[in-house]
């Protein structure tokens, strides 16, 4: 399953995690990029969802816990939830 629409309700919730109000309301945060995701997993932090694009090539570098849900997203969705100019194609929630 790939989420391709920026109008998707889940995408809207992920976008809200870029604000302090959104993080506080959902009690979650968004990790944007390979380094942050790897560091969170290494520190045994709970990563509920791993969002990746089809162009992301470093998935083999990450040991994904069984309880983490992997969700494919389009490049368009990646750009809409990222605060960087050139997203790496991986996010942790």
PDB file of N, CA and C in Angstrom:
ATOM      1  N   UNK A   1       0.841  -1.184   0.000  1.00  0.00           N
ATOM      2  CA  UNK A   1       0.000   0.000   0.000  1.00  0.00           C
ATOM      3  C   UNK A   1       0.886   1.248   0.000  1.00  0.00           C
ATOM      4  N   UNK A   2       0.587   2.172  -0.878  1.00  0.00           N
ATOM      5  CA  UNK A   2       1.331   3.428  -0.936  1.00  0.00           C
ATOM      6  C   UNK A   2       0.354   4.581  -0.793  1.00  0.00           C
ATOM      7  N   UNK A   3       0.694   5.524   0.072  1.00  0.00           N
ATOM      8  CA  UNK A   3      -0.121   6.722   0.232  1.00  0.00           C
ATOM      9  C   UNK A   3       0.418   7.763  -0.741  1.00  0.00           C
ATOM     10  N   UNK A   4      -0.438   8.206  -1.651  1.00  0.00           N
ATOM     11  CA  UNK A   4       0.012   9.119  -2.701  1.00  0.00           C
ATOM     12  C   UNK A   4      -0.625  10.502  -2.627  1.00  0.00           C
ATOM     13  N   UNK A   5      -1.692  10.644  -1.871  1.00  0.00           N
ATOM     14  CA  UNK A   5      -2.421  11.909  -1.831  1.00  0.00           C
ATOM     15  C   UNK A   5      -2.031  12.742  -0.615  1.00  0.00           C
ATOM     16  N   UNK A   6      -1.726  14.008  -0.853  1.00  0.00           N
ATOM     17  CA  UNK A   6      -1.425  14.905   0.264  1.00  0.00           C
ATOM     18  C   UNK A   6      -2.696  15.287   1.016  1.00  0.00           C
ATOM     19  N   UNK A   7      -3.854  14.928   0.466  1.00  0.00           N
ATOM     20  CA  UNK A   7      -5.140  15.191   1.127  1.00  0.00           C
ATOM     21  C   UNK A   7      -5.544  14.067   2.071  1.00  0.00           C
ATOM     22  N   UNK A   8      -4.774  12.997   2.099  1.00  0.00           N
ATOM     23  CA  UNK A   8      -5.055  11.857   2.963  1.00  0.00           C
ATOM     24  C   UNK A   8      -5.049  12.318   4.423  1.00  0.00           C
ATOM     25  N   UNK A   9      -5.986  11.807   5.216  1.00  0.00           N
ATOM     26  CA  UNK A   9      -6.098  12.232   6.619  1.00  0.00           C
ATOM     27  C   UNK A   9      -4.835  11.916   7.420  1.00  0.00           C
ATOM     28  N   UNK A  10      -4.183  10.805   7.119  1.00  0.00           N
ATOM     29  CA  UNK A  10      -2.951  10.463   7.845  1.00  0.00           C
ATOM     30  C   UNK A  10      -1.836  11.447   7.510  1.00  0.00           C
ATOM     31  N   UNK A  11      -1.762  11.846   6.257  1.00  0.00           N
ATOM     32  CA  UNK A  11      -0.746  12.816   5.835  1.00  0.00           C
ATOM     33  C   UNK A  11      -0.969  14.140   6.560  1.00  0.00           C
ATOM     34  N   UNK A  12      -2.213  14.541   6.683  1.00  0.00           N
ATOM     35  CA  UNK A  12      -2.529  15.779   7.394  1.00  0.00           C
ATOM     36  C   UNK A  12      -2.096  15.699   8.857  1.00  0.00           C
ATOM     37  N   UNK A  13      -2.301  14.539   9.486  1.00  0.00           N
ATOM     38  CA  UNK A  13      -1.872  14.356  10.876  1.00  0.00           C
ATOM     39  C   UNK A  13      -0.348  14.391  10.982  1.00  0.00           C
ATOM     40  N   UNK A  14       0.352  13.775  10.037  1.00  0.00           N
ATOM     41  CA  UNK A  14       1.820  13.790  10.049  1.00  0.00           C
ATOM     42  C   UNK A  14       2.348  15.210   9.883  1.00  0.00           C
ATOM     43  N   UNK A  15       1.715  16.001   9.014  1.00  0.00           N
ATOM     44  CA  UNK A  15       2.138  17.389   8.798  1.00  0.00           C
ATOM     45  C   UNK A  15       2.031  18.198  10.088  1.00  0.00           C
ATOM     46  N   UNK A  16       0.993  17.916  10.865  1.00  0.00           N
ATOM     47  CA  UNK A  16       0.783  18.644  12.115  1.00  0.00           C
ATOM     48  C   UNK A  16       1.914  18.399  13.112  1.00  0.00           C
ATOM     49  N   UNK A  17       2.639  17.296  12.948  1.00  0.00           N
ATOM     50  CA  UNK A  17       3.742  16.991  13.864  1.00  0.00           C
ATOM     51  C   UNK A  17       4.917  17.947  13.686  1.00  0.00           C
ATOM     52  N   UNK A  18       4.880  18.783  12.670  1.00  0.00           N
ATOM     53  CA  UNK A  18       5.918  19.790  12.478  1.00  0.00           C
ATOM     54  C   UNK A  18       5.686  21.015  13.352  1.00  0.00           C
ATOM     55  N   UNK A  19       4.560  21.042  14.075  1.00  0.00           N
ATOM     56  CA  UNK A  19       4.268  22.162  14.968  1.00  0.00           C
ATOM     57  C   UNK A  19       4.283  21.688  16.419  1.00  0.00           C
ATOM     58  N   UNK A  20       4.617  22.600  17.303  1.00  0.00           N
ATOM     59  CA  UNK A  20       4.634  22.270  18.730  1.00  0.00           C
ATOM     60  C   UNK A  20       3.246  21.832  19.197  1.00  0.00           C
ATOM     61  N   UNK A  21       2.230  22.543  18.733  1.00  0.00           N
ATOM     62  CA  UNK A  21       0.846  22.220  19.103  1.00  0.00           C
ATOM     63  C   UNK A  21       0.471  20.814  18.633  1.00  0.00           C
ATOM     64  N   UNK A  22       0.852  20.475  17.412  1.00  0.00           N
ATOM     65  CA  UNK A  22       0.546  19.154  16.863  1.00  0.00           C
ATOM     66  C   UNK A  22       1.250  18.036  17.608  1.00  0.00           C
ATOM     67  N   UNK A  23       2.526  18.264  17.954  1.00  0.00           N
ATOM     68  CA  UNK A  23       3.282  17.248  18.705  1.00  0.00           C
ATOM     69  C   UNK A  23       2.686  17.039  20.088  1.00  0.00           C
ATOM     70  N   UNK A  24       2.301  18.130  20.723  1.00  0.00           N
ATOM     71  CA  UNK A  24       1.734  18.031  22.067  1.00  0.00           C
ATOM     72  C   UNK A  24       0.373  17.328  22.037  1.00  0.00           C
ATOM     73  N   UNK A  25      -0.453  17.670  21.061  1.00  0.00           N
ATOM     74  CA  UNK A  25      -1.792  17.086  20.959  1.00  0.00           C
ATOM     75  C   UNK A  25      -1.730  15.586  20.687  1.00  0.00           C
ATOM     76  N   UNK A  26      -0.843  15.170  19.775  1.00  0.00           N
ATOM     77  CA  UNK A  26      -0.747  13.760  19.405  1.00  0.00           C
ATOM     78  C   UNK A  26       0.223  12.980  20.293  1.00  0.00           C
ATOM     79  N   UNK A  27       1.015  13.701  21.075  1.00  0.00           N
ATOM     80  CA  UNK A  27       2.042  13.089  21.915  1.00  0.00           C
ATOM     81  C   UNK A  27       2.997  12.234  21.069  1.00  0.00           C
ATOM     82  N   UNK A  28       3.350  12.765  19.906  1.00  0.00           N
ATOM     83  CA  UNK A  28       4.262  12.107  18.972  1.00  0.00           C
ATOM     84  C   UNK A  28       5.155  13.166  18.349  1.00  0.00           C
ATOM     85  N   UNK A  29       6.168  12.734  17.642  1.00  0.00           N
ATOM     86  CA  UNK A  29       7.012  13.655  16.884  1.00  0.00           C
ATOM     87  C   UNK A  29       7.442  12.968  15.598  1.00  0.00           C
ATOM     88  N   UNK A  30       7.931  13.769  14.659  1.00  0.00           N
ATOM     89  CA  UNK A  30       8.345  13.231  13.370  1.00  0.00           C
ATOM     90  C   UNK A  30       9.866  13.319  13.245  1.00  0.00           C
ATOM     91  N   UNK A  31      10.459  12.232  12.813  1.00  0.00           N
ATOM     92  CA  UNK A  31      11.898  12.170  12.566  1.00  0.00           C
ATOM     93  C   UNK A  31      12.089  12.238  11.057  1.00  0.00           C
ATOM     94  N   UNK A  32      12.801  13.233  10.592  1.00  0.00           N
ATOM     95  CA  UNK A  32      12.972  13.459   9.158  1.00  0.00           C
ATOM     96  C   UNK A  32      14.408  13.130   8.767  1.00  0.00           C
ATOM     97  N   UNK A  33      14.605  11.974   8.145  1.00  0.00           N
ATOM     98  CA  UNK A  33      15.929  11.604   7.652  1.00  0.00           C
ATOM     99  C   UNK A  33      16.474  10.333   8.272  1.00  0.00           C
ATOM    100  N   UNK A  34      17.390   9.727   7.539  1.00  0.00           N
ATOM    101  CA  UNK A  34      17.978   8.446   7.937  1.00  0.00           C
ATOM    102  C   UNK A  34      18.694   8.523   9.275  1.00  0.00           C
ATOM    103  N   UNK A  35      19.505   9.548   9.476  1.00  0.00           N
ATOM    104  CA  UNK A  35      20.293   9.643  10.706  1.00  0.00           C
ATOM    105  C   UNK A  35      19.392   9.691  11.946  1.00  0.00           C
ATOM    106  N   UNK A  36      18.369  10.535  11.919  1.00  0.00           N
ATOM    107  CA  UNK A  36      17.479  10.650  13.081  1.00  0.00           C
ATOM    108  C   UNK A  36      16.724   9.356  13.351  1.00  0.00           C
ATOM    109  N   UNK A  37      16.270   8.698  12.285  1.00  0.00           N
ATOM    110  CA  UNK A  37      15.551   7.431  12.452  1.00  0.00           C
ATOM    111  C   UNK A  37      16.481   6.377  13.046  1.00  0.00           C
ATOM    112  N   UNK A  38      17.701   6.266  12.512  1.00  0.00           N
ATOM    113  CA  UNK A  38      18.656   5.275  13.020  1.00  0.00           C
ATOM    114  C   UNK A  38      19.006   5.536  14.480  1.00  0.00           C
ATOM    115  N   UNK A  39      19.213   6.794  14.837  1.00  0.00           N
ATOM    116  CA  UNK A  39      19.559   7.131  16.222  1.00  0.00           C
ATOM    117  C   UNK A  39      18.411   6.809  17.180  1.00  0.00           C
ATOM    118  N   UNK A  40      17.187   7.080  16.774  1.00  0.00           N
ATOM    119  CA  UNK A  40      16.027   6.770  17.626  1.00  0.00           C
ATOM    120  C   UNK A  40      15.911   5.270  17.845  1.00  0.00           C
ATOM    121  N   UNK A  41      16.076   4.499  16.782  1.00  0.00           N
ATOM    122  CA  UNK A  41      15.993   3.039  16.908  1.00  0.00           C
ATOM    123  C   UNK A  41      17.145   2.498  17.751  1.00  0.00           C
ATOM    124  N   UNK A  42      18.329   3.070  17.571  1.00  0.00           N
ATOM    125  CA  UNK A  42      19.499   2.636  18.343  1.00  0.00           C
ATOM    126  C   UNK A  42      19.303   2.911  19.839  1.00  0.00           C
ATOM    127  N   UNK A  43      18.592   4.006  20.146  1.00  0.00           N
ATOM    128  CA  UNK A  43      18.327   4.375  21.540  1.00  0.00           C
ATOM    129  C   UNK A  43      17.084   3.670  22.087  1.00  0.00           C
ATOM    130  N   UNK A  44      16.574   2.694  21.327  1.00  0.00           N
ATOM    131  CA  UNK A  44      15.388   1.928  21.723  1.00  0.00           C
ATOM    132  C   UNK A  44      14.151   2.798  21.942  1.00  0.00           C
ATOM    133  N   UNK A  45      14.048   3.888  21.192  1.00  0.00           N
ATOM    134  CA  UNK A  45      12.841   4.715  21.227  1.00  0.00           C
ATOM    135  C   UNK A  45      11.787   4.053  20.347  1.00  0.00           C
ATOM    136  N   UNK A  46      10.545   4.168  20.749  1.00  0.00           N
ATOM    137  CA  UNK A  46       9.461   3.542  19.993  1.00  0.00           C
ATOM    138  C   UNK A  46       9.202   4.339  18.710  1.00  0.00           C
ATOM    139  N   UNK A  47       9.348   3.666  17.589  1.00  0.00           N
ATOM    140  CA  UNK A  47       9.004   4.244  16.292  1.00  0.00           C
ATOM    141  C   UNK A  47       7.784   3.462  15.808  1.00  0.00           C
ATOM    142  N   UNK A  48       6.617   4.095  15.895  1.00  0.00           N
ATOM    143  CA  UNK A  48       5.366   3.416  15.550  1.00  0.00           C
ATOM    144  C   UNK A  48       5.250   3.157  14.057  1.00  0.00           C
ATOM    145  N   UNK A  49       5.638   4.163  13.268  1.00  0.00           N
ATOM    146  CA  UNK A  49       5.507   4.055  11.816  1.00  0.00           C
ATOM    147  C   UNK A  49       6.789   4.522  11.146  1.00  0.00           C
ATOM    148  N   UNK A  50       7.160   3.830  10.104  1.00  0.00           N
ATOM    149  CA  UNK A  50       8.304   4.199   9.284  1.00  0.00           C
ATOM    150  C   UNK A  50       7.751   4.523   7.903  1.00  0.00           C
ATOM    151  N   UNK A  51       7.912   5.768   7.489  1.00  0.00           N
ATOM    152  CA  UNK A  51       7.388   6.211   6.200  1.00  0.00           C
ATOM    153  C   UNK A  51       8.548   6.273   5.224  1.00  0.00           C
ATOM    154  N   UNK A  52       8.436   5.584   4.104  1.00  0.00           N
ATOM    155  CA  UNK A  52       9.533   5.584   3.136  1.00  0.00           C
ATOM    156  C   UNK A  52       8.994   5.770   1.720  1.00  0.00           C
ATOM    157  N   UNK A  53       9.824   6.381   0.887  1.00  0.00           N
ATOM    158  CA  UNK A  53       9.485   6.531  -0.528  1.00  0.00           C
ATOM    159  C   UNK A  53      10.124   5.390  -1.301  1.00  0.00           C
ATOM    160  N   UNK A  54       9.658   5.177  -2.508  1.00  0.00           N
ATOM    161  CA  UNK A  54      10.207   4.097  -3.342  1.00  0.00           C
ATOM    162  C   UNK A  54      11.652   4.370  -3.737  1.00  0.00           C
ATOM    163  N   UNK A  55      12.076   5.627  -3.705  1.00  0.00           N
ATOM    164  CA  UNK A  55      13.450   5.977  -4.083  1.00  0.00           C
ATOM    165  C   UNK A  55      14.448   5.814  -2.933  1.00  0.00           C
ATOM    166  N   UNK A  56      13.948   5.587  -1.719  1.00  0.00           N
ATOM    167  CA  UNK A  56      14.850   5.436  -0.575  1.00  0.00           C
ATOM    168  C   UNK A  56      15.624   4.137  -0.718  1.00  0.00           C
ATOM    169  N   UNK A  57      16.958   4.227  -0.713  1.00  0.00           N
ATOM    170  CA  UNK A  57      17.810   3.081  -1.028  1.00  0.00           C
ATOM    171  C   UNK A  57      18.538   2.466   0.165  1.00  0.00           C
ATOM    172  N   UNK A  58      18.351   2.999   1.355  1.00  0.00           N
ATOM    173  CA  UNK A  58      19.154   2.549   2.497  1.00  0.00           C
ATOM    174  C   UNK A  58      18.356   1.756   3.526  1.00  0.00           C
ATOM    175  N   UNK A  59      17.258   1.161   3.114  1.00  0.00           N
ATOM    176  CA  UNK A  59      16.414   0.426   4.053  1.00  0.00           C
ATOM    177  C   UNK A  59      17.162  -0.738   4.693  1.00  0.00           C
ATOM    178  N   UNK A  60      18.113  -1.308   3.966  1.00  0.00           N
ATOM    179  CA  UNK A  60      18.897  -2.426   4.506  1.00  0.00           C
ATOM    180  C   UNK A  60      19.831  -1.992   5.634  1.00  0.00           C
ATOM    181  N   UNK A  61      20.015  -0.701   5.838  1.00  0.00           N
ATOM    182  CA  UNK A  61      20.869  -0.192   6.913  1.00  0.00           C
ATOM    183  C   UNK A  61      20.129  -0.094   8.242  1.00  0.00           C
ATOM    184  N   UNK A  62      18.835  -0.349   8.219  1.00  0.00           N
ATOM    185  CA  UNK A  62      18.009  -0.162   9.410  1.00  0.00           C
ATOM    186  C   UNK A  62      17.442  -1.494   9.872  1.00  0.00           C
ATOM    187  N   UNK A  63      17.576  -1.746  11.156  1.00  0.00           N
ATOM    188  CA  UNK A  63      16.936  -2.924  11.745  1.00  0.00           C
ATOM    189  C   UNK A  63      15.567  -2.480  12.257  1.00  0.00           C
ATOM    190  N   UNK A  64      14.534  -2.875  11.544  1.00  0.00           N
ATOM    191  CA  UNK A  64      13.181  -2.417  11.853  1.00  0.00           C
ATOM    192  C   UNK A  64      12.536  -3.359  12.864  1.00  0.00           C
ATOM    193  N   UNK A  65      12.122  -2.821  14.023  1.00  0.00           N
ATOM    194  CA  UNK A  65      11.441  -3.663  15.017  1.00  0.00           C
ATOM    195  C   UNK A  65      10.133  -4.223  14.458  1.00  0.00           C
ATOM    196  N   UNK A  66       9.741  -5.390  14.940  1.00  0.00           N
ATOM    197  CA  UNK A  66       8.523  -6.050  14.459  1.00  0.00           C
ATOM    198  C   UNK A  66       7.273  -5.192  14.647  1.00  0.00           C
ATOM    199  N   UNK A  67       7.234  -4.404  15.726  1.00  0.00           N
ATOM    200  CA  UNK A  67       6.035  -3.616  16.014  1.00  0.00           C
ATOM    201  C   UNK A  67       5.953  -2.321  15.194  1.00  0.00           C
ATOM    202  N   UNK A  68       6.991  -2.001  14.443  1.00  0.00           N
ATOM    203  CA  UNK A  68       6.991  -0.793  13.611  1.00  0.00           C
ATOM    204  C   UNK A  68       6.311  -1.075  12.280  1.00  0.00           C
ATOM    205  N   UNK A  69       5.330  -0.253  11.964  1.00  0.00           N
ATOM    206  CA  UNK A  69       4.584  -0.400  10.708  1.00  0.00           C
ATOM    207  C   UNK A  69       5.310   0.383   9.607  1.00  0.00           C
ATOM    208  N   UNK A  70       5.595  -0.273   8.490  1.00  0.00           N
ATOM    209  CA  UNK A  70       6.264   0.373   7.359  1.00  0.00           C
ATOM    210  C   UNK A  70       5.199   0.795   6.352  1.00  0.00           C
ATOM    211  N   UNK A  71       5.211   2.081   6.012  1.00  0.00           N
ATOM    212  CA  UNK A  71       4.227   2.640   5.090  1.00  0.00           C
ATOM    213  C   UNK A  71       4.956   3.302   3.928  1.00  0.00           C
ATOM    214  N   UNK A  72       4.589   2.919   2.722  1.00  0.00           N
ATOM    215  CA  UNK A  72       5.153   3.540   1.526  1.00  0.00           C
ATOM    216  C   UNK A  72       4.411   4.847   1.258  1.00  0.00           C
ATOM    217  N   UNK A  73       5.177   5.889   0.916  1.00  0.00           N
ATOM    218  CA  UNK A  73       4.577   7.178   0.569  1.00  0.00           C
ATOM    219  C   UNK A  73       5.180   7.662  -0.745  1.00  0.00           C
ATOM    220  N   UNK A  74       4.460   8.518  -1.433  1.00  0.00           N
ATOM    221  CA  UNK A  74       4.950   9.067  -2.690  1.00  0.00           C
ATOM    222  C   UNK A  74       5.943  10.199  -2.414  1.00  0.00           C
ATOM    223  N   UNK A  75       6.687  10.578  -3.444  1.00  0.00           N
ATOM    224  CA  UNK A  75       7.616  11.708  -3.321  1.00  0.00           C
ATOM    225  C   UNK A  75       6.853  12.985  -2.973  1.00  0.00           C
ATOM    226  N   UNK A  76       5.672  13.138  -3.538  1.00  0.00           N
ATOM    227  CA  UNK A  76       4.850  14.320  -3.276  1.00  0.00           C
ATOM    228  C   UNK A  76       4.465  14.397  -1.794  1.00  0.00           C
ATOM    229  N   UNK A  77       4.065  13.276  -1.219  1.00  0.00           N
ATOM    230  CA  UNK A  77       3.723  13.235   0.205  1.00  0.00           C
ATOM    231  C   UNK A  77       4.969  13.526   1.035  1.00  0.00           C
ATOM    232  N   UNK A  78       6.097  12.951   0.647  1.00  0.00           N
ATOM    233  CA  UNK A  78       7.358  13.175   1.347  1.00  0.00           C
ATOM    234  C   UNK A  78       7.690  14.664   1.405  1.00  0.00           C
ATOM    235  N   UNK A  79       7.560  15.338   0.283  1.00  0.00           N
ATOM    236  CA  UNK A  79       7.856  16.775   0.228  1.00  0.00           C
ATOM    237  C   UNK A  79       6.872  17.584   1.061  1.00  0.00           C
ATOM    238  N   UNK A  80       5.634  17.127   1.150  1.00  0.00           N
ATOM    239  CA  UNK A  80       4.628  17.887   1.896  1.00  0.00           C
ATOM    240  C   UNK A  80       4.803  17.769   3.410  1.00  0.00           C
ATOM    241  N   UNK A  81       5.324  16.641   3.893  1.00  0.00           N
ATOM    242  CA  UNK A  81       5.474  16.494   5.348  1.00  0.00           C
ATOM    243  C   UNK A  81       6.859  16.895   5.838  1.00  0.00           C
ATOM    244  N   UNK A  82       7.810  17.044   4.926  1.00  0.00           N
ATOM    245  CA  UNK A  82       9.172  17.401   5.313  1.00  0.00           C
ATOM    246  C   UNK A  82       9.327  18.912   5.414  1.00  0.00           C
ATOM    247  N   UNK A  83      10.182  19.335   6.319  1.00  0.00           N
ATOM    248  CA  UNK A  83      10.498  20.753   6.426  1.00  0.00           C
ATOM    249  C   UNK A  83      11.810  21.079   5.721  1.00  0.00           C
ATOM    250  N   UNK A  84      12.419  20.089   5.089  1.00  0.00           N
ATOM    251  CA  UNK A  84      13.664  20.323   4.357  1.00  0.00           C
ATOM    252  C   UNK A  84      13.367  20.487   2.869  1.00  0.00           C
ATOM    253  N   UNK A  85      14.289  21.120   2.153  1.00  0.00           N
ATOM    254  CA  UNK A  85      14.123  21.332   0.711  1.00  0.00           C
ATOM    255  C   UNK A  85      14.186  20.022  -0.063  1.00  0.00           C
ATOM    256  N   UNK A  86      15.094  19.139   0.343  1.00  0.00           N
ATOM    257  CA  UNK A  86      15.271  17.862  -0.353  1.00  0.00           C
ATOM    258  C   UNK A  86      15.161  16.718   0.652  1.00  0.00           C
ATOM    259  N   UNK A  87      13.959  16.219   0.881  1.00  0.00           N
ATOM    260  CA  UNK A  87      13.769  15.129   1.847  1.00  0.00           C
ATOM    261  C   UNK A  87      14.546  13.879   1.445  1.00  0.00           C
ATOM    262  N   UNK A  88      15.001  13.130   2.455  1.00  0.00           N
ATOM    263  CA  UNK A  88      15.767  11.911   2.207  1.00  0.00           C
ATOM    264  C   UNK A  88      14.874  10.727   1.855  1.00  0.00           C
ATOM    265  N   UNK A  89      13.584  10.853   2.088  1.00  0.00           N
ATOM    266  CA  UNK A  89      12.667   9.771   1.732  1.00  0.00           C
ATOM    267  C   UNK A  89      12.395   8.794   2.849  1.00  0.00           C
ATOM    268  N   UNK A  90      12.739   9.164   4.079  1.00  0.00           N
ATOM    269  CA  UNK A  90      12.433   8.310   5.230  1.00  0.00           C
ATOM    270  C   UNK A  90      12.047   9.189   6.414  1.00  0.00           C
ATOM    271  N   UNK A  91      10.994   8.753   7.101  1.00  0.00           N
ATOM    272  CA  UNK A  91      10.497   9.465   8.275  1.00  0.00           C
ATOM    273  C   UNK A  91      10.105   8.441   9.331  1.00  0.00           C
ATOM    274  N   UNK A  92      10.286   8.806  10.576  1.00  0.00           N
ATOM    275  CA  UNK A  92       9.815   7.983  11.680  1.00  0.00           C
ATOM    276  C   UNK A  92       8.768   8.756  12.454  1.00  0.00           C
ATOM    277  N   UNK A  93       7.741   8.067  12.909  1.00  0.00           N
ATOM    278  CA  UNK A  93       6.686   8.690  13.723  1.00  0.00           C
ATOM    279  C   UNK A  93       6.689   8.013  15.080  1.00  0.00           C
TER     280      UNK A  93
END
